[in-house]
C-alpha atoms as a PDB file:
ATOM      1  CA  MET A   1     123.033 104.883 114.201  1.00  0.00           C
ATOM      2  CA  ARG A   2     118.846 105.409 114.566  1.00  0.00           C
ATOM      3  CA  ARG A   3     116.799 105.257 111.630  1.00  0.00           C
ATOM      4  CA  VAL A   4     116.031 107.351 109.698  1.00  0.00           C
ATOM      5  CA  ARG A   5     112.717 109.139 109.972  1.00  0.00           C
ATOM      6  CA  VAL A   6     110.719 109.499 106.583  1.00  0.00           C
ATOM      7  CA  CYS A   7     107.709 111.143 106.434  1.00  0.00           C
ATOM      8  CA  VAL A   8     105.160 110.653 103.007  1.00  0.00           C
ATOM      9  CA  VAL A   9     102.354 112.513 103.097  1.00  0.00           C
ATOM     10  CA  GLY A  10      99.107 111.404 100.289  1.00  0.00           C
ATOM     11  CA  ALA A  11      97.172 108.300 100.189  1.00  0.00           C
ATOM     12  CA  GLY A  12      96.103 108.574  97.057  1.00  0.00           C
ATOM     13  CA  VAL A  13      97.998 106.006  94.547  1.00  0.00           C
ATOM     14  CA  ILE A  14     101.030 108.221  94.210  1.00  0.00           C
ATOM     15  CA  GLY A  15     101.270 108.353  98.026  1.00  0.00           C
ATOM     16  CA  PHE A  16     100.974 104.696  98.589  1.00  0.00           C
ATOM     17  CA  SER A  17     102.908 103.998  95.358  1.00  0.00           C
ATOM     18  CA  THR A  18     105.744 106.154  96.579  1.00  0.00           C
ATOM     19  CA  ALA A  19     105.788 104.793 100.173  1.00  0.00           C
ATOM     20  CA  VAL A  20     105.718 101.164  98.991  1.00  0.00           C
ATOM     21  CA  CYS A  21     108.703 101.793  96.938  1.00  0.00           C
ATOM     22  CA  VAL A  22     110.737 103.567  99.815  1.00  0.00           C
ATOM     23  CA  ALA A  23     110.024 101.150 102.658  1.00  0.00           C
ATOM     24  CA  GLU A  24     110.503  97.892 100.339  1.00  0.00           C
ATOM     25  CA  ALA A  25     113.492  99.550  99.033  1.00  0.00           C
ATOM     26  CA  LEU A  26     114.796 101.231 101.936  1.00  0.00           C
ATOM     27  CA  PRO A  27     114.643  98.718 105.390  1.00  0.00           C
ATOM     28  CA  PHE A  28     116.732 101.095 107.894  1.00  0.00           C
ATOM     29  CA  CYS A  29     114.446 103.707 107.137  1.00  0.00           C
ATOM     30  CA  SER A  30     111.303 103.908 108.934  1.00  0.00           C
ATOM     31  CA  VAL A  31     108.329 105.273 106.661  1.00  0.00           C
ATOM     32  CA  THR A  32     105.301 107.375 107.773  1.00  0.00           C
ATOM     33  CA  LEU A  33     102.091 107.694 105.558  1.00  0.00           C
ATOM     34  CA  LEU A  34     100.148 110.932 106.829  1.00  0.00           C
ATOM     35  CA  ALA A  35      96.671 111.769 105.530  1.00  0.00           C
ATOM     36  CA  ASP A  36      93.724 113.207 106.306  1.00  0.00           C
ATOM     37  CA  LYS A  37      91.877 110.856 103.780  1.00  0.00           C
ATOM     38  CA  PHE A  38      92.233 106.959 103.001  1.00  0.00           C
ATOM     39  CA  SER A  39      90.234 104.798 100.424  1.00  0.00           C
ATOM     40  CA  PRO A  40      87.262 104.542  99.643  1.00  0.00           C
ATOM     41  CA  ASP A  41      87.585 108.678 100.010  1.00  0.00           C
ATOM     42  CA  THR A  42      90.562 109.812  97.937  1.00  0.00           C
ATOM     43  CA  THR A  43      90.668 111.625  94.253  1.00  0.00           C
ATOM     44  CA  SER A  44      92.325 108.061  93.561  1.00  0.00           C
ATOM     45  CA  ASP A  45      89.365 105.403  94.079  1.00  0.00           C
ATOM     46  CA  GLY A  46      86.935 106.994  91.487  1.00  0.00           C
ATOM     47  CA  ALA A  47      89.602 106.949  88.825  1.00  0.00           C
ATOM     48  CA  ALA A  48      88.975 105.135  86.053  1.00  0.00           C
ATOM     49  CA  GLY A  49      92.549 104.087  86.037  1.00  0.00           C
ATOM     50  CA  ILE A  50      93.211 102.742  82.448  1.00  0.00           C
ATOM     51  CA  LEU A  51      96.726 103.130  81.869  1.00  0.00           C
ATOM     52  CA  PHE A  52      97.531 105.510  78.568  1.00  0.00           C
ATOM     53  CA  ALA A  53      99.279 108.739  78.751  1.00  0.00           C
ATOM     54  CA  ALA A  54      99.013 112.016  77.401  1.00  0.00           C
ATOM     55  CA  LYS A  55     102.403 114.251  76.443  1.00  0.00           C
ATOM     56  CA  PHE A  56     103.928 116.874  79.376  1.00  0.00           C
ATOM     57  CA  PRO A  57     105.212 119.862  77.314  1.00  0.00           C
ATOM     58  CA  ASP A  58     108.657 120.246  79.322  1.00  0.00           C
ATOM     59  CA  ILE A  59     109.662 117.052  80.689  1.00  0.00           C
ATOM     60  CA  PRO A  60     112.305 115.051  78.352  1.00  0.00           C
ATOM     61  CA  LEU A  61     110.167 112.374  76.545  1.00  0.00           C
ATOM     62  CA  GLU A  62     112.804 109.302  77.686  1.00  0.00           C
ATOM     63  CA  ARG A  63     111.662 110.448  81.235  1.00  0.00           C
ATOM     64  CA  GLN A  64     107.550 110.205  80.623  1.00  0.00           C
ATOM     65  CA  LYS A  65     108.349 106.765  78.432  1.00  0.00           C
ATOM     66  CA  ARG A  66     110.033 105.231  81.510  1.00  0.00           C
ATOM     67  CA  TRP A  67     107.515 106.716  84.041  1.00  0.00           C
ATOM     68  CA  PHE A  68     105.039 104.839  81.722  1.00  0.00           C
ATOM     69  CA  LYS A  69     107.120 101.634  81.335  1.00  0.00           C
ATOM     70  CA  ASP A  70     107.918 100.700  85.154  1.00  0.00           C
ATOM     71  CA  SER A  71     104.276 101.321  86.207  1.00  0.00           C
ATOM     72  CA  PHE A  72     103.105  99.689  83.260  1.00  0.00           C
ATOM     73  CA  ASP A  73     105.763  96.525  83.604  1.00  0.00           C
ATOM     74  CA  HIS A  74     104.801  96.824  87.492  1.00  0.00           C
ATOM     75  CA  LEU A  75     101.380  96.456  87.422  1.00  0.00           C
ATOM     76  CA  LEU A  76     101.170  93.790  84.516  1.00  0.00           C
ATOM     77  CA  ASP A  77     103.104  91.738  86.470  1.00  0.00           C
ATOM     78  CA  ILE A  78     100.433  91.786  89.174  1.00  0.00           C
ATOM     79  CA  ALA A  79      97.772  91.294  86.266  1.00  0.00           C
ATOM     80  CA  GLN A  80      99.391  88.154  85.855  1.00  0.00           C
ATOM     81  CA  SER A  81      99.424  86.671  89.237  1.00  0.00           C
ATOM     82  CA  GLN A  82      97.192  85.180  92.224  1.00  0.00           C
ATOM     83  CA  HIS A  83      97.174  89.005  93.415  1.00  0.00           C
ATOM     84  CA  SER A  84      95.416  90.190  90.341  1.00  0.00           C
ATOM     85  CA  PRO A  85      91.345  89.788  91.876  1.00  0.00           C
ATOM     86  CA  GLU A  86      92.623  91.383  95.344  1.00  0.00           C
ATOM     87  CA  ALA A  87      94.518  94.567  93.906  1.00  0.00           C
ATOM     88  CA  GLY A  88      91.890  94.908  91.130  1.00  0.00           C
ATOM     89  CA  VAL A  89      94.710  95.166  88.064  1.00  0.00           C
ATOM     90  CA  MET A  90      93.715  93.496  84.820  1.00  0.00           C
ATOM     91  CA  LEU A  91      93.911  93.722  81.277  1.00  0.00           C
ATOM     92  CA  SER A  92      91.567  95.076  79.068  1.00  0.00           C
ATOM     93  CA  SER A  93      91.391  95.788  75.217  1.00  0.00           C
ATOM     94  CA  GLY A  94      89.837  98.061  73.296  1.00  0.00           C
ATOM     95  CA  TRP A  95      90.022 101.352  70.854  1.00  0.00           C
ATOM     96  CA  GLN A  96      90.862 104.781  70.817  1.00  0.00           C
ATOM     97  CA  ILE A  97      88.940 106.194  68.599  1.00  0.00           C
ATOM     98  CA  PHE A  98      89.622 110.235  66.659  1.00  0.00           C
ATOM     99  CA  LYS A  99      87.395 112.025  64.315  1.00  0.00           C
ATOM    100  CA  GLU A 100      90.897 113.613  63.194  1.00  0.00           C
ATOM    101  CA  VAL A 101      93.679 111.869  62.101  1.00  0.00           C
ATOM    102  CA  PRO A 102      95.767 112.991  65.149  1.00  0.00           C
ATOM    103  CA  ALA A 103      99.556 114.376  64.501  1.00  0.00           C
ATOM    104  CA  ASP A 104     100.938 111.719  67.210  1.00  0.00           C
ATOM    105  CA  LYS A 105      99.489 108.372  65.119  1.00  0.00           C
ATOM    106  CA  LYS A 106     101.922 106.288  67.436  1.00  0.00           C
ATOM    107  CA  PRO A 107     102.306 107.624  70.907  1.00  0.00           C
ATOM    108  CA  PHE A 108     105.232 107.579  73.155  1.00  0.00           C
ATOM    109  CA  TRP A 109     103.586 104.880  75.018  1.00  0.00           C
ATOM    110  CA  ALA A 110     102.631 102.370  72.320  1.00  0.00           C
ATOM    111  CA  ASP A 111     105.896 100.075  72.286  1.00  0.00           C
ATOM    112  CA  SER A 112     105.219  99.655  75.883  1.00  0.00           C
ATOM    113  CA  VAL A 113     101.647  98.456  75.463  1.00  0.00           C
ATOM    114  CA  ILE A 114     100.350  95.312  74.285  1.00  0.00           C
ATOM    115  CA  GLY A 115      99.767  94.577  70.798  1.00  0.00           C
ATOM    116  CA  PHE A 116      99.805  98.140  69.675  1.00  0.00           C
ATOM    117  CA  ARG A 117      98.004  98.837  65.956  1.00  0.00           C
ATOM    118  CA  PHE A 118      95.637 101.082  63.824  1.00  0.00           C
ATOM    119  CA  MET A 119      92.251 100.341  63.556  1.00  0.00           C
ATOM    120  CA  THR A 120      90.774  98.953  60.264  1.00  0.00           C
ATOM    121  CA  GLU A 121      88.514 100.271  58.118  1.00  0.00           C
ATOM    122  CA  GLY A 122      86.376  97.531  59.260  1.00  0.00           C
ATOM    123  CA  GLU A 123      86.716  98.054  62.771  1.00  0.00           C
ATOM    124  CA  LEU A 124      86.013 101.551  62.591  1.00  0.00           C
ATOM    125  CA  LYS A 125      82.749 100.855  60.384  1.00  0.00           C
ATOM    126  CA  ARG A 126      80.975 101.310  63.419  1.00  0.00           C
ATOM    127  CA  PHE A 127      82.234 104.615  64.794  1.00  0.00           C
ATOM    128  CA  PRO A 128      80.857 106.337  61.305  1.00  0.00           C
ATOM    129  CA  ASP A 129      81.769 110.015  62.922  1.00  0.00           C
ATOM    130  CA  HIS A 130      85.551 108.705  63.536  1.00  0.00           C
ATOM    131  CA  ASN A 131      87.675 108.434  60.815  1.00  0.00           C
ATOM    132  CA  PHE A 132      90.931 107.307  62.973  1.00  0.00           C
ATOM    133  CA  GLY A 133      91.843 104.601  65.363  1.00  0.00           C
ATOM    134  CA  GLN A 134      93.890 102.363  67.451  1.00  0.00           C
ATOM    135  CA  ALA A 135      93.548  99.270  68.831  1.00  0.00           C
ATOM    136  CA  PHE A 136      96.012  97.593  71.932  1.00  0.00           C
ATOM    137  CA  THR A 137      95.438  95.870  75.209  1.00  0.00           C
ATOM    138  CA  THR A 138      96.387  97.612  78.353  1.00  0.00           C
ATOM    139  CA  ILE A 139      95.764  97.684  81.908  1.00  0.00           C
ATOM    140  CA  LYS A 140      93.154  98.199  83.983  1.00  0.00           C
ATOM    141  CA  CYS A 141      94.030  99.329  88.129  1.00  0.00           C
ATOM    142  CA  GLU A 142      90.852  99.715  90.246  1.00  0.00           C
ATOM    143  CA  CYS A 143      91.952 102.023  93.262  1.00  0.00           C
ATOM    144  CA  SER A 144      88.968 101.166  95.294  1.00  0.00           C
ATOM    145  CA  SER A 145      90.648  97.431  95.366  1.00  0.00           C
ATOM    146  CA  TYR A 146      94.272  98.690  94.641  1.00  0.00           C
ATOM    147  CA  LEU A 147      94.785 101.335  97.386  1.00  0.00           C
ATOM    148  CA  PRO A 148      94.048  98.827 100.565  1.00  0.00           C
ATOM    149  CA  TRP A 149      96.444  96.444  99.115  1.00  0.00           C
ATOM    150  CA  LEU A 150      98.823  98.784  98.363  1.00  0.00           C
ATOM    151  CA  GLU A 151      98.466  99.558 102.218  1.00  0.00           C
ATOM    152  CA  LYS A 152      98.760  95.985 103.247  1.00  0.00           C
ATOM    153  CA  ARG A 153     101.920  95.874 101.027  1.00  0.00           C
ATOM    154  CA  PHE A 154     103.208  98.753 103.112  1.00  0.00           C
ATOM    155  CA  ARG A 155     102.951  97.496 106.481  1.00  0.00           C
ATOM    156  CA  ALA A 156     104.427  94.096 105.662  1.00  0.00           C
ATOM    157  CA  ALA A 157     107.602  95.972 104.637  1.00  0.00           C
ATOM    158  CA  GLY A 158     107.095  97.782 108.194  1.00  0.00           C
ATOM    159  CA  GLY A 159     105.529 101.287 106.964  1.00  0.00           C
ATOM    160  CA  SER A 160     102.755 102.621 109.501  1.00  0.00           C
ATOM    161  CA  VAL A 161      99.741 104.547 108.917  1.00  0.00           C
ATOM    162  CA  GLU A 162      98.225 107.835 110.653  1.00  0.00           C
ATOM    163  CA  GLN A 163      95.427 109.921 109.608  1.00  0.00           C
ATOM    164  CA  ARG A 164      95.703 113.489 110.717  1.00  0.00           C
ATOM    165  CA  LYS A 165      95.325 116.575 108.456  1.00  0.00           C
ATOM    166  CA  ILE A 166      98.630 118.248 107.356  1.00  0.00           C
ATOM    167  CA  ASP A 167      97.969 121.774 107.069  1.00  0.00           C
ATOM    168  CA  SER A 168     101.728 123.013 106.830  1.00  0.00           C
ATOM    169  CA  LEU A 169     105.322 121.046 106.449  1.00  0.00           C
ATOM    170  CA  GLN A 170     106.540 123.066 109.382  1.00  0.00           C
ATOM    171  CA  GLU A 171     104.319 120.889 111.696  1.00  0.00           C
ATOM    172  CA  LEU A 172     106.708 117.600 110.749  1.00  0.00           C
ATOM    173  CA  SER A 173     109.553 119.678 110.608  1.00  0.00           C
ATOM    174  CA  SER A 174     110.866 117.760 114.218  1.00  0.00           C
ATOM    175  CA  SER A 175     109.594 114.539 113.658  1.00  0.00           C
ATOM    176  CA  TYR A 176     111.006 113.954 110.190  1.00  0.00           C
ATOM    177  CA  ASP A 177     114.709 113.592 108.694  1.00  0.00           C
ATOM    178  CA  ILE A 178     112.671 113.700 104.886  1.00  0.00           C
ATOM    179  CA  ILE A 179     109.435 114.551 103.720  1.00  0.00           C
ATOM    180  CA  VAL A 180     107.720 113.237 100.619  1.00  0.00           C
ATOM    181  CA  ASN A 181     105.165 115.225  99.391  1.00  0.00           C
ATOM    182  CA  CYS A 182     102.553 113.580  97.376  1.00  0.00           C
ATOM    183  CA  SER A 183      99.455 115.645  98.687  1.00  0.00           C
ATOM    184  CA  GLY A 184      98.548 116.451  95.120  1.00  0.00           C
ATOM    185  CA  LEU A 185      95.710 119.155  94.959  1.00  0.00           C
ATOM    186  CA  GLY A 186      96.360 119.737  98.545  1.00  0.00           C
ATOM    187  CA  SER A 187      99.884 120.915  97.405  1.00  0.00           C
ATOM    188  CA  LYS A 188      98.367 124.342  96.587  1.00  0.00           C
ATOM    189  CA  THR A 189      97.981 124.648  99.802  1.00  0.00           C
ATOM    190  CA  LEU A 190     100.705 122.533 101.966  1.00  0.00           C
ATOM    191  CA  VAL A 191     103.364 124.046  99.880  1.00  0.00           C
ATOM    192  CA  HIS A 192     102.099 127.216  98.286  1.00  0.00           C
ATOM    193  CA  ASP A 193     101.954 126.177  94.919  1.00  0.00           C
ATOM    194  CA  ASN A 194     100.073 128.190  92.104  1.00  0.00           C
ATOM    195  CA  GLN A 195     100.656 126.058  89.261  1.00  0.00           C
ATOM    196  CA  VAL A 196      98.578 123.140  90.629  1.00  0.00           C
ATOM    197  CA  TYR A 197      94.713 123.662  89.972  1.00  0.00           C
ATOM    198  CA  PRO A 198      91.590 121.387  89.715  1.00  0.00           C
ATOM    199  CA  VAL A 199      90.072 119.648  86.624  1.00  0.00           C
ATOM    200  CA  ARG A 200      87.037 118.043  87.934  1.00  0.00           C
ATOM    201  CA  GLY A 201      85.532 114.881  86.282  1.00  0.00           C
ATOM    202  CA  GLN A 202      82.260 113.018  87.031  1.00  0.00           C
ATOM    203  CA  VAL A 203      81.784 109.294  86.254  1.00  0.00           C
ATOM    204  CA  LEU A 204      79.230 107.107  85.954  1.00  0.00           C
ATOM    205  CA  LYS A 205      79.517 103.228  87.352  1.00  0.00           C
ATOM    206  CA  VAL A 206      76.736 101.291  85.422  1.00  0.00           C
ATOM    207  CA  GLU A 207      76.256  97.433  85.340  1.00  0.00           C
ATOM    208  CA  ALA A 208      76.800  96.218  81.417  1.00  0.00           C
ATOM    209  CA  PRO A 209      78.595  92.815  81.842  1.00  0.00           C
ATOM    210  CA  TRP A 210      78.054  92.218  78.070  1.00  0.00           C
ATOM    211  CA  LEU A 211      80.651  95.137  77.241  1.00  0.00           C
ATOM    212  CA  GLN A 212      84.431  93.432  77.455  1.00  0.00           C
ATOM    213  CA  HIS A 213      85.699  96.259  75.363  1.00  0.00           C
ATOM    214  CA  PHE A 214      87.066 100.006  76.349  1.00  0.00           C
ATOM    215  CA  ILE A 215      86.380 102.583  73.916  1.00  0.00           C
ATOM    216  CA  ARG A 216      87.714 106.039  74.443  1.00  0.00           C
ATOM    217  CA  ASP A 217      87.099 109.463  72.375  1.00  0.00           C
ATOM    218  CA  GLY A 218      90.677 110.986  71.459  1.00  0.00           C
ATOM    219  CA  ASP A 219      89.259 113.910  73.180  1.00  0.00           C
ATOM    220  CA  GLY A 220      89.646 112.194  76.406  1.00  0.00           C
ATOM    221  CA  LYS A 221      85.757 113.507  77.525  1.00  0.00           C
ATOM    222  CA  THR A 222      83.622 110.216  76.844  1.00  0.00           C
ATOM    223  CA  TYR A 223      84.837 107.189  77.299  1.00  0.00           C
ATOM    224  CA  ILE A 224      83.720 103.672  78.170  1.00  0.00           C
ATOM    225  CA  TYR A 225      86.099 101.353  80.262  1.00  0.00           C
ATOM    226  CA  PRO A 226      84.744  97.696  81.750  1.00  0.00           C
ATOM    227  CA  GLY A 227      86.410  96.708  85.208  1.00  0.00           C
ATOM    228  CA  ILE A 228      86.007  94.076  87.342  1.00  0.00           C
ATOM    229  CA  HIS A 229      83.153  95.912  89.355  1.00  0.00           C
ATOM    230  CA  GLY A 230      81.074  97.185  86.509  1.00  0.00           C
ATOM    231  CA  VAL A 231      81.357  99.504  83.989  1.00  0.00           C
ATOM    232  CA  THR A 232      83.049 103.410  84.314  1.00  0.00           C
ATOM    233  CA  VAL A 233      81.699 105.785  81.771  1.00  0.00           C
ATOM    234  CA  GLY A 234      82.334 109.009  81.393  1.00  0.00           C
ATOM    235  CA  GLY A 235      82.907 112.073  81.602  1.00  0.00           C
ATOM    236  CA  THR A 236      83.888 115.707  82.636  1.00  0.00           C
ATOM    237  CA  ARG A 237      87.194 117.771  82.226  1.00  0.00           C
ATOM    238  CA  GLN A 238      86.159 120.691  83.455  1.00  0.00           C
ATOM    239  CA  GLU A 239      89.291 122.969  84.781  1.00  0.00           C
ATOM    240  CA  GLN A 240      89.143 125.325  87.734  1.00  0.00           C
ATOM    241  CA  ASP A 241      86.244 123.361  88.466  1.00  0.00           C
ATOM    242  CA  TRP A 242      86.069 122.844  92.615  1.00  0.00           C
ATOM    243  CA  ARG A 243      81.936 121.609  92.220  1.00  0.00           C
ATOM    244  CA  LEU A 244      82.130 118.002  93.973  1.00  0.00           C
ATOM    245  CA  GLN A 245      78.402 117.481  93.819  1.00  0.00           C
ATOM    246  CA  VAL A 246      76.836 115.538  90.850  1.00  0.00           C
ATOM    247  CA  ASP A 247      75.819 117.419  87.915  1.00  0.00           C
ATOM    248  CA  ASP A 248      72.012 115.918  86.786  1.00  0.00           C
ATOM    249  CA  GLY A 249      73.610 117.897  83.129  1.00  0.00           C
ATOM    250  CA  ASP A 250      76.594 115.912  83.480  1.00  0.00           C
ATOM    251  CA  THR A 251      75.327 112.753  84.249  1.00  0.00           C
ATOM    252  CA  ARG A 252      72.917 113.284  81.057  1.00  0.00           C
ATOM    253  CA  SER A 253      75.527 114.315  78.593  1.00  0.00           C
ATOM    254  CA  ILE A 254      77.546 111.449  79.761  1.00  0.00           C
ATOM    255  CA  LEU A 255      75.298 108.856  79.161  1.00  0.00           C
ATOM    256  CA  GLU A 256      74.014 110.536  75.591  1.00  0.00           C
ATOM    257  CA  ARG A 257      78.068 110.375  74.323  1.00  0.00           C
ATOM    258  CA  CYS A 258      78.690 107.088  75.421  1.00  0.00           C
ATOM    259  CA  GLY A 259      75.401 105.813  74.372  1.00  0.00           C
ATOM    260  CA  SER A 260      76.088 107.099  70.695  1.00  0.00           C
ATOM    261  CA  LEU A 261      79.529 105.015  70.987  1.00  0.00           C
ATOM    262  CA  GLU A 262      78.056 101.736  72.297  1.00  0.00           C
ATOM    263  CA  PRO A 263      74.390 101.783  72.052  1.00  0.00           C
ATOM    264  CA  SER A 264      73.642  98.914  74.142  1.00  0.00           C
ATOM    265  CA  LEU A 265      74.486 101.045  77.218  1.00  0.00           C
ATOM    266  CA  SER A 266      70.670 102.142  77.376  1.00  0.00           C
ATOM    267  CA  LYS A 267      70.095  98.871  78.563  1.00  0.00           C
ATOM    268  CA  ALA A 268      72.671  99.439  82.008  1.00  0.00           C
ATOM    269  CA  ARG A 269      71.583 100.448  85.013  1.00  0.00           C
ATOM    270  CA  VAL A 270      73.250 103.234  86.594  1.00  0.00           C
ATOM    271  CA  LEU A 271      75.143 101.673  89.847  1.00  0.00           C
ATOM    272  CA  SER A 272      76.842 104.939  91.445  1.00  0.00           C
ATOM    273  CA  LYS A 273      77.690 108.063  90.312  1.00  0.00           C
ATOM    274  CA  TRP A 274      81.102 110.030  91.478  1.00  0.00           C
ATOM    275  CA  VAL A 275      83.012 113.346  91.443  1.00  0.00           C
ATOM    276  CA  GLY A 276      87.013 113.841  91.739  1.00  0.00           C
ATOM    277  CA  LEU A 277      88.929 116.343  91.000  1.00  0.00           C
ATOM    278  CA  ARG A 278      92.179 115.413  89.461  1.00  0.00           C
ATOM    279  CA  PRO A 279      95.685 117.556  90.993  1.00  0.00           C
ATOM    280  CA  SER A 280      96.336 119.117  87.688  1.00  0.00           C
ATOM    281  CA  ARG A 281      99.477 121.041  86.504  1.00  0.00           C
ATOM    282  CA  ARG A 282     101.601 121.778  83.522  1.00  0.00           C
ATOM    283  CA  ASN A 283     104.055 119.050  84.329  1.00  0.00           C
ATOM    284  CA  PRO A 284     103.648 116.661  87.455  1.00  0.00           C
ATOM    285  CA  ARG A 285     106.751 118.200  89.840  1.00  0.00           C
ATOM    286  CA  VAL A 286     108.723 115.339  90.836  1.00  0.00           C
ATOM    287  CA  GLU A 287     111.887 116.947  92.184  1.00  0.00           C
ATOM    288  CA  ARG A 288     113.712 117.662  95.663  1.00  0.00           C
ATOM    289  CA  GLU A 289     114.358 120.879  97.604  1.00  0.00           C
ATOM    290  CA  MET A 290     116.007 121.904 101.014  1.00  0.00           C
ATOM    291  CA  VAL A 291     113.197 123.648 102.962  1.00  0.00           C
ATOM    292  CA  LYS A 292     113.596 125.717 106.226  1.00  0.00           C
ATOM    293  CA  LEU A 293     111.350 124.169 108.877  1.00  0.00           C
ATOM    294  CA  GLN A 294     111.665 125.503 112.336  1.00  0.00           C
ATOM    295  CA  GLY A 295     115.139 126.658 112.100  1.00  0.00           C
ATOM    296  CA  ARG A 296     116.581 123.242 110.595  1.00  0.00           C
ATOM    297  CA  ARG A 297     116.940 122.851 106.684  1.00  0.00           C
ATOM    298  CA  VAL A 298     115.133 119.616 106.062  1.00  0.00           C
ATOM    299  CA  ALA A 299     115.204 117.756 102.368  1.00  0.00           C
ATOM    300  CA  VAL A 300     111.642 117.532 100.861  1.00  0.00           C
ATOM    301  CA  VAL A 301     110.791 115.142  98.159  1.00  0.00           C
ATOM    302  CA  HIS A 302     107.911 116.313  95.981  1.00  0.00           C
ATOM    303  CA  ASN A 303     105.814 114.022  93.543  1.00  0.00           C
ATOM    304  CA  TYR A 304     102.574 115.486  92.344  1.00  0.00           C
ATOM    305  CA  GLY A 305     100.189 116.763  90.021  1.00  0.00           C
ATOM    306  CA  HIS A 306      99.738 114.084  87.596  1.00  0.00           C
ATOM    307  CA  GLY A 307      96.583 115.250  86.432  1.00  0.00           C
ATOM    308  CA  GLY A 308      94.407 112.777  84.759  1.00  0.00           C
ATOM    309  CA  TRP A 309      97.234 110.192  84.676  1.00  0.00           C
ATOM    310  CA  GLY A 310      98.185 109.210  88.337  1.00  0.00           C
ATOM    311  CA  VAL A 311      97.240 105.550  88.276  1.00  0.00           C
ATOM    312  CA  THR A 312      99.193 105.371  84.513  1.00  0.00           C
ATOM    313  CA  LEU A 313     102.100 107.039  85.970  1.00  0.00           C
ATOM    314  CA  ALA A 314     102.433 106.605  89.786  1.00  0.00           C
ATOM    315  CA  TRP A 315     104.247 103.314  90.246  1.00  0.00           C
ATOM    316  CA  GLY A 316     106.933 105.262  87.715  1.00  0.00           C
ATOM    317  CA  THR A 317     107.551 108.703  89.364  1.00  0.00           C
ATOM    318  CA  ALA A 318     107.300 106.758  92.570  1.00  0.00           C
ATOM    319  CA  LEU A 319     110.514 105.233  91.554  1.00  0.00           C
ATOM    320  CA  ASP A 320     111.985 108.556  90.429  1.00  0.00           C
ATOM    321  CA  ALA A 321     111.311 109.742  93.865  1.00  0.00           C
ATOM    322  CA  LEU A 322     113.006 106.314  95.609  1.00  0.00           C
ATOM    323  CA  GLY A 323     116.043 108.356  93.659  1.00  0.00           C
ATOM    324  CA  LEU A 324     115.484 111.077  94.965  1.00  0.00           C
ATOM    325  CA  VAL A 325     115.531 109.936  98.715  1.00  0.00           C
ATOM    326  CA  ARG A 326     118.482 108.185  98.202  1.00  0.00           C
ATOM    327  CA  GLN A 327     119.841 111.270  96.855  1.00  0.00           C
ATOM    328  CA  CYS A 328     118.646 113.330 100.601  1.00  0.00           C
ATOM    329  CA  LEU A 329     120.407 110.233 102.474  1.00  0.00           C
ATOM    330  CA  ASP A 330     123.776 110.567 100.400  1.00  0.00           C
ATOM    331  CA  ASP A 331     124.020 114.119 100.978  1.00  0.00           C
ATOM    332  CA  MET A 332     122.869 113.302 105.070  1.00  0.00           C
ATOM    333  CA  ARG A 333     125.978 110.936 104.910  1.00  0.00           C
ATOM    334  CA  LEU A 334     128.409 113.565 103.358  1.00  0.00           C
ATOM    335  CA  GLN A 335     127.016 116.071 106.228  1.00  0.00           C
ATOM    336  CA  ALA A 336     127.856 113.315 108.941  1.00  0.00           C
ATOM    337  CA  LYS A 337     130.957 113.081 108.419  1.00  0.00           C
ATOM    338  CA  LEU A 338     131.743 116.724 107.566  1.00  0.00           C
END
């Protein structure tokens, strides 16, 4: 029997995670990953990459919990292995602080991270504007290292990689049996999804080796994440903003806000400034459909629209996408028998 030809579109953290899952689990498939941009030029490359999540409104909570736990456990295994430095995956402890006590004091992912607890009054004293906080150990995944590491793992599983721009799924119809769409914001044009929109994020990388703990304001706009190569400070959440240029006003605002949480940042040297557009959607789209392309019906699996939670949920949704690819294969076997 000839090998089933699978194509994954997109080389960000969702695309490569999905491609690795499919190539490793289904060796009888020939898997090709296509994208016009690869690391270090993807949106994922600038992501802070720290694992926690917000709730999506219309996805069953059990499914969201599974996405988070699967991703956390996968990255924890890497963080505790010899691959940690090369993959850019490390444990990170710190605090998430709130000006007002959140409705959800214990978020749905609290049992998946390590040592989750509420902050004590003594700990909160250093943040006088904040009245509630959570302390825990999670994982930081630096995609500028992680994506090349995943690519190596994908190639080792027999996958092939091709750099080209795809403007329409029609271009792929005659070459592949199953298409997996992980094109993020590109899905707006590729599959005409008007529900996906950009949320502009600007971050700075600073040199502050004395900082060992992350601090995140519960509003999600101000954060300090120490990593392997510098400290990521941010940020912005500007909806429907397509600008990719660094905004000096945003830079000043980031330094001011982060400096009020961590005064020693005034001594930190700015190493780089970066802007990316998060591929946001009311809910991520992780589902399959049959699409008519060039007169034939082709199975398409979608996995995109994670917004600012791509790194957090990538492995979990990739495993779901793998399950959907398996369903497509079962359907193809049935069709062949009829």
